[in-house]
Full PDB file with SEQRES, HELIX, SHEET, SSBOND, CRYST1, ORIGX, SCALE, CONECT and MASTER records, all heavy atoms in Angstrom:
SEQRES   1 A   31  SER LYS ILE VAL THR LEU TYR THR ARG ARG TYR GLY LYS          
SEQRES   2 A   31  LEU LYS VAL ILE ALA LYS GLY VAL ARG ALA ALA LYS ASN          
SEQRES   3 A   31  LYS ALA GLY ALA SER                                          
SHEET    1 AA1 2 LYS A   2  THR A   8  0                                        
SHEET    2 AA1 2 GLY A  12  ALA A  18 -1                                        
CRYST1    1.000    1.000    1.000  90.00  90.00  90.00 P 1           1          
ORIGX1      1.000000  0.000000  0.000000        0.00000                         
ORIGX2      0.000000  1.000000  0.000000        0.00000                         
ORIGX3      0.000000  0.000000  1.000000        0.00000                         
SCALE1      1.000000  0.000000  0.000000        0.00000                         
SCALE2      0.000000  1.000000  0.000000        0.00000                         
SCALE3      0.000000  0.000000  1.000000        0.00000                         
ATOM      1  N   SER A   1       6.152  10.753 -13.686  1.00  0.00           N  
ATOM      2  CA  SER A   1       5.555   9.436 -13.440  1.00  0.00           C  
ATOM      3  C   SER A   1       6.473   8.303 -13.901  1.00  0.00           C  
ATOM      4  O   SER A   1       7.517   8.528 -14.511  1.00  0.00           O  
ATOM      5  CB  SER A   1       4.201   9.329 -14.139  1.00  0.00           C  
ATOM      6  OG  SER A   1       3.328  10.349 -13.689  1.00  0.00           O  
ATOM      7  N   LYS A   2       6.060   7.081 -13.603  1.00  0.00           N  
ATOM      8  CA  LYS A   2       6.771   5.877 -14.030  1.00  0.00           C  
ATOM      9  C   LYS A   2       5.763   4.812 -14.451  1.00  0.00           C  
ATOM     10  O   LYS A   2       4.659   4.740 -13.899  1.00  0.00           O  
ATOM     11  CB  LYS A   2       7.620   5.290 -12.890  1.00  0.00           C  
ATOM     12  CG  LYS A   2       8.923   5.976 -12.588  1.00  0.00           C  
ATOM     13  CD  LYS A   2       9.679   5.208 -11.510  1.00  0.00           C  
ATOM     14  CE  LYS A   2      11.028   5.831 -11.213  1.00  0.00           C  
ATOM     15  NZ  LYS A   2      11.765   5.052 -10.178  1.00  0.00           N  
ATOM     16  N   ILE A   3       6.182   3.985 -15.399  1.00  0.00           N  
ATOM     17  CA  ILE A   3       5.481   2.735 -15.664  1.00  0.00           C  
ATOM     18  C   ILE A   3       6.334   1.620 -15.074  1.00  0.00           C  
ATOM     19  O   ILE A   3       7.524   1.503 -15.399  1.00  0.00           O  
ATOM     20  CB  ILE A   3       5.250   2.526 -17.164  1.00  0.00           C  
ATOM     21  CG1 ILE A   3       4.275   3.588 -17.682  1.00  0.00           C  
ATOM     22  CG2 ILE A   3       4.702   1.124 -17.438  1.00  0.00           C  
ATOM     23  CD1 ILE A   3       4.044   3.540 -19.174  1.00  0.00           C  
ATOM     24  N   VAL A   4       5.732   0.846 -14.188  1.00  0.00           N  
ATOM     25  CA  VAL A   4       6.475  -0.130 -13.385  1.00  0.00           C  
ATOM     26  C   VAL A   4       5.935  -1.534 -13.649  1.00  0.00           C  
ATOM     27  O   VAL A   4       4.722  -1.762 -13.612  1.00  0.00           O  
ATOM     28  CB  VAL A   4       6.362   0.193 -11.880  1.00  0.00           C  
ATOM     29  CG1 VAL A   4       7.232  -0.762 -11.069  1.00  0.00           C  
ATOM     30  CG2 VAL A   4       6.762   1.644 -11.608  1.00  0.00           C  
ATOM     31  N   THR A   5       6.837  -2.450 -13.936  1.00  0.00           N  
ATOM     32  CA  THR A   5       6.469  -3.851 -14.086  1.00  0.00           C  
ATOM     33  C   THR A   5       6.676  -4.554 -12.754  1.00  0.00           C  
ATOM     34  O   THR A   5       7.770  -4.490 -12.168  1.00  0.00           O  
ATOM     35  CB  THR A   5       7.304  -4.546 -15.166  1.00  0.00           C  
ATOM     36  OG1 THR A   5       7.188  -3.830 -16.398  1.00  0.00           O  
ATOM     37  CG2 THR A   5       6.826  -5.982 -15.384  1.00  0.00           C  
ATOM     38  N   LEU A   6       5.629  -5.210 -12.263  1.00  0.00           N  
ATOM     39  CA  LEU A   6       5.647  -5.880 -10.968  1.00  0.00           C  
ATOM     40  C   LEU A   6       5.406  -7.373 -11.144  1.00  0.00           C  
ATOM     41  O   LEU A   6       4.673  -7.790 -12.040  1.00  0.00           O  
ATOM     42  CB  LEU A   6       4.551  -5.323 -10.054  1.00  0.00           C  
ATOM     43  CG  LEU A   6       4.540  -3.827  -9.767  1.00  0.00           C  
ATOM     44  CD1 LEU A   6       3.267  -3.462  -9.002  1.00  0.00           C  
ATOM     45  CD2 LEU A   6       5.778  -3.419  -8.977  1.00  0.00           C  
ATOM     46  N   TYR A   7       6.017  -8.152 -10.273  1.00  0.00           N  
ATOM     47  CA  TYR A   7       5.614  -9.550 -10.141  1.00  0.00           C  
ATOM     48  C   TYR A   7       4.952  -9.682  -8.774  1.00  0.00           C  
ATOM     49  O   TYR A   7       5.606  -9.514  -7.751  1.00  0.00           O  
ATOM     50  CB  TYR A   7       6.802 -10.507 -10.261  1.00  0.00           C  
ATOM     51  CG  TYR A   7       6.348 -11.952 -10.281  1.00  0.00           C  
ATOM     52  CD1 TYR A   7       5.547 -12.424 -11.316  1.00  0.00           C  
ATOM     53  CD2 TYR A   7       6.687 -12.824  -9.264  1.00  0.00           C  
ATOM     54  CE1 TYR A   7       5.096 -13.729 -11.341  1.00  0.00           C  
ATOM     55  CE2 TYR A   7       6.244 -14.137  -9.281  1.00  0.00           C  
ATOM     56  CZ  TYR A   7       5.446 -14.586 -10.321  1.00  0.00           C  
ATOM     57  OH  TYR A   7       4.983 -15.887 -10.340  1.00  0.00           O  
ATOM     58  N   THR A   8       3.660  -9.937  -8.769  1.00  0.00           N  
ATOM     59  CA  THR A   8       2.893  -9.863  -7.535  1.00  0.00           C  
ATOM     60  C   THR A   8       2.506 -11.241  -7.017  1.00  0.00           C  
ATOM     61  O   THR A   8       2.424 -12.210  -7.783  1.00  0.00           O  
ATOM     62  CB  THR A   8       1.600  -9.044  -7.745  1.00  0.00           C  
ATOM     63  OG1 THR A   8       0.707  -9.780  -8.583  1.00  0.00           O  
ATOM     64  CG2 THR A   8       1.903  -7.695  -8.394  1.00  0.00           C  
ATOM     65  N   ARG A   9       2.261 -11.298  -5.729  1.00  0.00           N  
ATOM     66  CA  ARG A   9       1.841 -12.559  -5.120  1.00  0.00           C  
ATOM     67  C   ARG A   9       0.466 -12.990  -5.631  1.00  0.00           C  
ATOM     68  O   ARG A   9       0.248 -14.163  -5.946  1.00  0.00           O  
ATOM     69  CB  ARG A   9       1.795 -12.421  -3.596  1.00  0.00           C  
ATOM     70  CG  ARG A   9       1.370 -13.709  -2.890  1.00  0.00           C  
ATOM     71  CD  ARG A   9       1.089 -13.460  -1.415  1.00  0.00           C  
ATOM     72  NE  ARG A   9       2.304 -13.057  -0.709  1.00  0.00           N  
ATOM     73  CZ  ARG A   9       3.217 -13.906  -0.262  1.00  0.00           C  
ATOM     74  NH1 ARG A   9       3.070 -15.199  -0.449  1.00  0.00           N  
ATOM     75  NH2 ARG A   9       4.281 -13.454   0.384  1.00  0.00           N  
ATOM     76  N   ARG A  10      -0.467 -12.072  -5.748  1.00  0.00           N  
ATOM     77  CA  ARG A  10      -1.863 -12.434  -6.035  1.00  0.00           C  
ATOM     78  C   ARG A  10      -2.233 -12.389  -7.511  1.00  0.00           C  
ATOM     79  O   ARG A  10      -3.175 -13.066  -7.931  1.00  0.00           O  
ATOM     80  CB  ARG A  10      -2.805 -11.505  -5.258  1.00  0.00           C  
ATOM     81  CG  ARG A  10      -2.792 -11.697  -3.750  1.00  0.00           C  
ATOM     82  CD  ARG A  10      -3.727 -10.730  -3.057  1.00  0.00           C  
ATOM     83  NE  ARG A  10      -5.100 -10.844  -3.563  1.00  0.00           N  
ATOM     84  CZ  ARG A  10      -6.056  -9.957  -3.283  1.00  0.00           C  
ATOM     85  NH1 ARG A  10      -5.785  -8.889  -2.541  1.00  0.00           N  
ATOM     86  NH2 ARG A  10      -7.279 -10.127  -3.758  1.00  0.00           N  
ATOM     87  N   TYR A  11      -1.502 -11.611  -8.302  1.00  0.00           N  
ATOM     88  CA  TYR A  11      -1.945 -11.381  -9.677  1.00  0.00           C  
ATOM     89  C   TYR A  11      -0.860 -11.650 -10.717  1.00  0.00           C  
ATOM     90  O   TYR A  11      -1.049 -11.342 -11.888  1.00  0.00           O  
ATOM     91  CB  TYR A  11      -2.456  -9.949  -9.831  1.00  0.00           C  
ATOM     92  CG  TYR A  11      -3.550  -9.619  -8.847  1.00  0.00           C  
ATOM     93  CD1 TYR A  11      -3.269  -8.908  -7.681  1.00  0.00           C  
ATOM     94  CD2 TYR A  11      -4.857 -10.058  -9.055  1.00  0.00           C  
ATOM     95  CE1 TYR A  11      -4.264  -8.620  -6.755  1.00  0.00           C  
ATOM     96  CE2 TYR A  11      -5.862  -9.775  -8.137  1.00  0.00           C  
ATOM     97  CZ  TYR A  11      -5.557  -9.057  -6.990  1.00  0.00           C  
ATOM     98  OH  TYR A  11      -6.543  -8.786  -6.066  1.00  0.00           O  
ATOM     99  N   GLY A  12       0.246 -12.228 -10.313  1.00  0.00           N  
ATOM    100  CA  GLY A  12       1.304 -12.503 -11.264  1.00  0.00           C  
ATOM    101  C   GLY A  12       1.972 -11.242 -11.774  1.00  0.00           C  
ATOM    102  O   GLY A  12       2.032 -10.216 -11.091  1.00  0.00           O  
ATOM    103  N   LYS A  13       2.459 -11.297 -13.000  1.00  0.00           N  
ATOM    104  CA  LYS A  13       3.193 -10.172 -13.589  1.00  0.00           C  
ATOM    105  C   LYS A  13       2.219  -9.180 -14.211  1.00  0.00           C  
ATOM    106  O   LYS A  13       1.312  -9.570 -14.955  1.00  0.00           O  
ATOM    107  CB  LYS A  13       4.169 -10.683 -14.649  1.00  0.00           C  
ATOM    108  CG  LYS A  13       5.121  -9.618 -15.188  1.00  0.00           C  
ATOM    109  CD  LYS A  13       6.124 -10.208 -16.157  1.00  0.00           C  
ATOM    110  CE  LYS A  13       5.475 -10.669 -17.440  1.00  0.00           C  
ATOM    111  NZ  LYS A  13       6.464 -11.086 -18.463  1.00  0.00           N  
ATOM    112  N   LEU A  14       2.401  -7.910 -13.908  1.00  0.00           N  
ATOM    113  CA  LEU A  14       1.540  -6.869 -14.478  1.00  0.00           C  
ATOM    114  C   LEU A  14       2.268  -5.529 -14.456  1.00  0.00           C  
ATOM    115  O   LEU A  14       3.315  -5.390 -13.827  1.00  0.00           O  
ATOM    116  CB  LEU A  14       0.206  -6.787 -13.731  1.00  0.00           C  
ATOM    117  CG  LEU A  14       0.224  -6.671 -12.201  1.00  0.00           C  
ATOM    118  CD1 LEU A  14       0.509  -5.262 -11.742  1.00  0.00           C  
ATOM    119  CD2 LEU A  14      -1.109  -7.135 -11.628  1.00  0.00           C  
ATOM    120  N   LYS A  15       1.671  -4.549 -15.139  1.00  0.00           N  
ATOM    121  CA  LYS A  15       2.246  -3.213 -15.194  1.00  0.00           C  
ATOM    122  C   LYS A  15       1.297  -2.221 -14.531  1.00  0.00           C  
ATOM    123  O   LYS A  15       0.078  -2.333 -14.667  1.00  0.00           O  
ATOM    124  CB  LYS A  15       2.504  -2.791 -16.643  1.00  0.00           C  
ATOM    125  CG  LYS A  15       3.625  -3.553 -17.317  1.00  0.00           C  
ATOM    126  CD  LYS A  15       3.871  -3.035 -18.725  1.00  0.00           C  
ATOM    127  CE  LYS A  15       5.012  -3.787 -19.378  1.00  0.00           C  
ATOM    128  NZ  LYS A  15       5.284  -3.302 -20.760  1.00  0.00           N  
ATOM    129  N   VAL A  16       1.891  -1.258 -13.840  1.00  0.00           N  
ATOM    130  CA  VAL A  16       1.120  -0.182 -13.233  1.00  0.00           C  
ATOM    131  C   VAL A  16       1.728   1.152 -13.636  1.00  0.00           C  
ATOM    132  O   VAL A  16       2.928   1.240 -13.932  1.00  0.00           O  
ATOM    133  CB  VAL A  16       1.078  -0.287 -11.694  1.00  0.00           C  
ATOM    134  CG1 VAL A  16       0.424  -1.580 -11.247  1.00  0.00           C  
ATOM    135  CG2 VAL A  16       2.485  -0.154 -11.094  1.00  0.00           C  
ATOM    136  N   ILE A  17       0.895   2.174 -13.650  1.00  0.00           N  
ATOM    137  CA  ILE A  17       1.405   3.527 -13.838  1.00  0.00           C  
ATOM    138  C   ILE A  17       1.400   4.209 -12.472  1.00  0.00           C  
ATOM    139  O   ILE A  17       0.401   4.202 -11.755  1.00  0.00           O  
ATOM    140  CB  ILE A  17       0.588   4.328 -14.860  1.00  0.00           C  
ATOM    141  CG1 ILE A  17       1.197   5.723 -15.029  1.00  0.00           C  
ATOM    142  CG2 ILE A  17      -0.891   4.376 -14.524  1.00  0.00           C  
ATOM    143  CD1 ILE A  17       0.681   6.468 -16.238  1.00  0.00           C  
ATOM    144  N   ALA A  18       2.564   4.697 -12.101  1.00  0.00           N  
ATOM    145  CA  ALA A  18       2.732   5.375 -10.813  1.00  0.00           C  
ATOM    146  C   ALA A  18       2.823   6.875 -11.082  1.00  0.00           C  
ATOM    147  O   ALA A  18       3.891   7.411 -11.411  1.00  0.00           O  
ATOM    148  CB  ALA A  18       3.986   4.864 -10.108  1.00  0.00           C  
ATOM    149  N   LYS A  19       1.720   7.558 -10.961  1.00  0.00           N  
ATOM    150  CA  LYS A  19       1.657   8.976 -11.302  1.00  0.00           C  
ATOM    151  C   LYS A  19       2.324   9.834 -10.234  1.00  0.00           C  
ATOM    152  O   LYS A  19       2.100   9.647  -9.044  1.00  0.00           O  
ATOM    153  CB  LYS A  19       0.199   9.398 -11.488  1.00  0.00           C  
ATOM    154  CG  LYS A  19      -0.447   8.780 -12.727  1.00  0.00           C  
ATOM    155  CD  LYS A  19      -1.834   9.346 -12.977  1.00  0.00           C  
ATOM    156  CE  LYS A  19      -2.419   8.810 -14.274  1.00  0.00           C  
ATOM    157  NZ  LYS A  19      -3.769   9.356 -14.534  1.00  0.00           N  
ATOM    158  N   GLY A  20       3.151  10.766 -10.689  1.00  0.00           N  
ATOM    159  CA  GLY A  20       3.799  11.715  -9.793  1.00  0.00           C  
ATOM    160  C   GLY A  20       4.865  11.133  -8.901  1.00  0.00           C  
ATOM    161  O   GLY A  20       5.390  11.821  -8.024  1.00  0.00           O  
ATOM    162  N   VAL A  21       5.243   9.873  -9.135  1.00  0.00           N  
ATOM    163  CA  VAL A  21       6.145   9.209  -8.193  1.00  0.00           C  
ATOM    164  C   VAL A  21       7.573   9.755  -8.265  1.00  0.00           C  
ATOM    165  O   VAL A  21       8.356   9.586  -7.326  1.00  0.00           O  
ATOM    166  CB  VAL A  21       6.121   7.685  -8.443  1.00  0.00           C  
ATOM    167  CG1 VAL A  21       6.913   7.318  -9.703  1.00  0.00           C  
ATOM    168  CG2 VAL A  21       6.638   6.917  -7.239  1.00  0.00           C  
ATOM    169  N   ARG A  22       7.917  10.438  -9.358  1.00  0.00           N  
ATOM    170  CA  ARG A  22       9.260  10.994  -9.487  1.00  0.00           C  
ATOM    171  C   ARG A  22       9.345  12.414  -8.947  1.00  0.00           C  
ATOM    172  O   ARG A  22      10.416  13.033  -8.970  1.00  0.00           O  
ATOM    173  CB  ARG A  22       9.702  10.969 -10.949  1.00  0.00           C  
ATOM    174  CG  ARG A  22      10.001   9.548 -11.451  1.00  0.00           C  
ATOM    175  CD  ARG A  22      10.063   9.448 -12.969  1.00  0.00           C  
ATOM    176  NE  ARG A  22      10.890  10.490 -13.540  1.00  0.00           N  
ATOM    177  CZ  ARG A  22      10.612  11.123 -14.674  1.00  0.00           C  
ATOM    178  NH1 ARG A  22       9.497  10.845 -15.343  1.00  0.00           N  
ATOM    179  NH2 ARG A  22      11.420  12.051 -15.135  1.00  0.00           N  
ATOM    180  N   ALA A  23       8.240  12.944  -8.441  1.00  0.00           N  
ATOM    181  CA  ALA A  23       8.272  14.274  -7.834  1.00  0.00           C  
ATOM    182  C   ALA A  23       9.110  14.248  -6.562  1.00  0.00           C  
ATOM    183  O   ALA A  23       9.171  13.237  -5.854  1.00  0.00           O  
ATOM    184  CB  ALA A  23       6.851  14.729  -7.510  1.00  0.00           C  
ATOM    185  N   ALA A  24       9.763  15.347  -6.271  1.00  0.00           N  
ATOM    186  CA  ALA A  24      10.728  15.405  -5.162  1.00  0.00           C  
ATOM    187  C   ALA A  24      10.118  15.003  -3.822  1.00  0.00           C  
ATOM    188  O   ALA A  24      10.763  14.358  -2.999  1.00  0.00           O  
ATOM    189  CB  ALA A  24      11.320  16.810  -5.073  1.00  0.00           C  
ATOM    190  N   LYS A  25       8.879  15.336  -3.579  1.00  0.00           N  
ATOM    191  CA  LYS A  25       8.266  15.080  -2.278  1.00  0.00           C  
ATOM    192  C   LYS A  25       7.539  13.743  -2.198  1.00  0.00           C  
ATOM    193  O   LYS A  25       6.987  13.403  -1.153  1.00  0.00           O  
ATOM    194  CB  LYS A  25       7.289  16.212  -1.938  1.00  0.00           C  
ATOM    195  CG  LYS A  25       7.966  17.564  -1.748  1.00  0.00           C  
ATOM    196  CD  LYS A  25       6.953  18.635  -1.350  1.00  0.00           C  
ATOM    197  CE  LYS A  25       7.640  19.985  -1.136  1.00  0.00           C  
ATOM    198  NZ  LYS A  25       6.659  21.039  -0.742  1.00  0.00           N  
ATOM    199  N   ASN A  26       7.542  12.992  -3.254  1.00  0.00           N  
ATOM    200  CA  ASN A  26       6.835  11.708  -3.255  1.00  0.00           C  
ATOM    201  C   ASN A  26       7.696  10.639  -2.572  1.00  0.00           C  
ATOM    202  O   ASN A  26       8.809  10.353  -3.007  1.00  0.00           O  
ATOM    203  CB  ASN A  26       6.500  11.291  -4.688  1.00  0.00           C  
ATOM    204  CG  ASN A  26       5.494  10.159  -4.727  1.00  0.00           C  
ATOM    205  OD1 ASN A  26       5.712   9.108  -4.172  1.00  0.00           O  
ATOM    206  ND2 ASN A  26       4.375  10.407  -5.403  1.00  0.00           N  
ATOM    207  N   LYS A  27       7.176  10.046  -1.522  1.00  0.00           N  
ATOM    208  CA  LYS A  27       7.936   9.088  -0.728  1.00  0.00           C  
ATOM    209  C   LYS A  27       7.882   7.666  -1.269  1.00  0.00           C  
ATOM    210  O   LYS A  27       8.582   6.779  -0.777  1.00  0.00           O  
ATOM    211  CB  LYS A  27       7.437   9.101   0.720  1.00  0.00           C  
ATOM    212  CG  LYS A  27       7.633  10.446   1.424  1.00  0.00           C  
ATOM    213  CD  LYS A  27       7.120  10.390   2.851  1.00  0.00           C  
ATOM    214  CE  LYS A  27       7.335  11.730   3.559  1.00  0.00           C  
ATOM    215  NZ  LYS A  27       6.828  11.709   4.955  1.00  0.00           N  
ATOM    216  N   ALA A  28       7.045   7.433  -2.273  1.00  0.00           N  
ATOM    217  CA  ALA A  28       6.889   6.072  -2.801  1.00  0.00           C  
ATOM    218  C   ALA A  28       7.993   5.675  -3.767  1.00  0.00           C  
ATOM    219  O   ALA A  28       8.157   4.491  -4.079  1.00  0.00           O  
ATOM    220  CB  ALA A  28       5.537   5.934  -3.493  1.00  0.00           C  
ATOM    221  N   GLY A  29       8.771   6.661  -4.229  1.00  0.00           N  
ATOM    222  CA  GLY A  29       9.756   6.387  -5.270  1.00  0.00           C  
ATOM    223  C   GLY A  29      10.744   5.297  -4.921  1.00  0.00           C  
ATOM    224  O   GLY A  29      11.085   4.460  -5.764  1.00  0.00           O  
ATOM    225  N   ALA A  30      11.215   5.270  -3.675  1.00  0.00           N  
ATOM    226  CA  ALA A  30      12.216   4.284  -3.274  1.00  0.00           C  
ATOM    227  C   ALA A  30      11.675   2.863  -3.325  1.00  0.00           C  
ATOM    228  O   ALA A  30      12.448   1.901  -3.468  1.00  0.00           O  
ATOM    229  CB  ALA A  30      12.717   4.604  -1.865  1.00  0.00           C  
ATOM    230  N   SER A  31      10.370   2.704  -3.210  1.00  0.00           N  
ATOM    231  CA  SER A  31       9.772   1.376  -3.215  1.00  0.00           C  
ATOM    232  C   SER A  31       9.515   0.860  -4.618  1.00  0.00           C  
ATOM    233  O   SER A  31       9.039  -0.273  -4.788  1.00  0.00           O  
ATOM    234  CB  SER A  31       8.447   1.384  -2.435  1.00  0.00           C  
ATOM    235  OG  SER A  31       7.475   2.167  -3.112  1.00  0.00           O  
TER     236      SER A  31                                                      
MASTER        0    0    0    0    2    0    0    6  235    1    0    3          
END                                                                             
């Protein structure tokens, strides 16, 4: 997994946990 800091249009700066995003088959990692 990853903890990701985002700057968002609607909610400003916040952190999200992206579970399983570092797994080989997870396509969200590049984003």
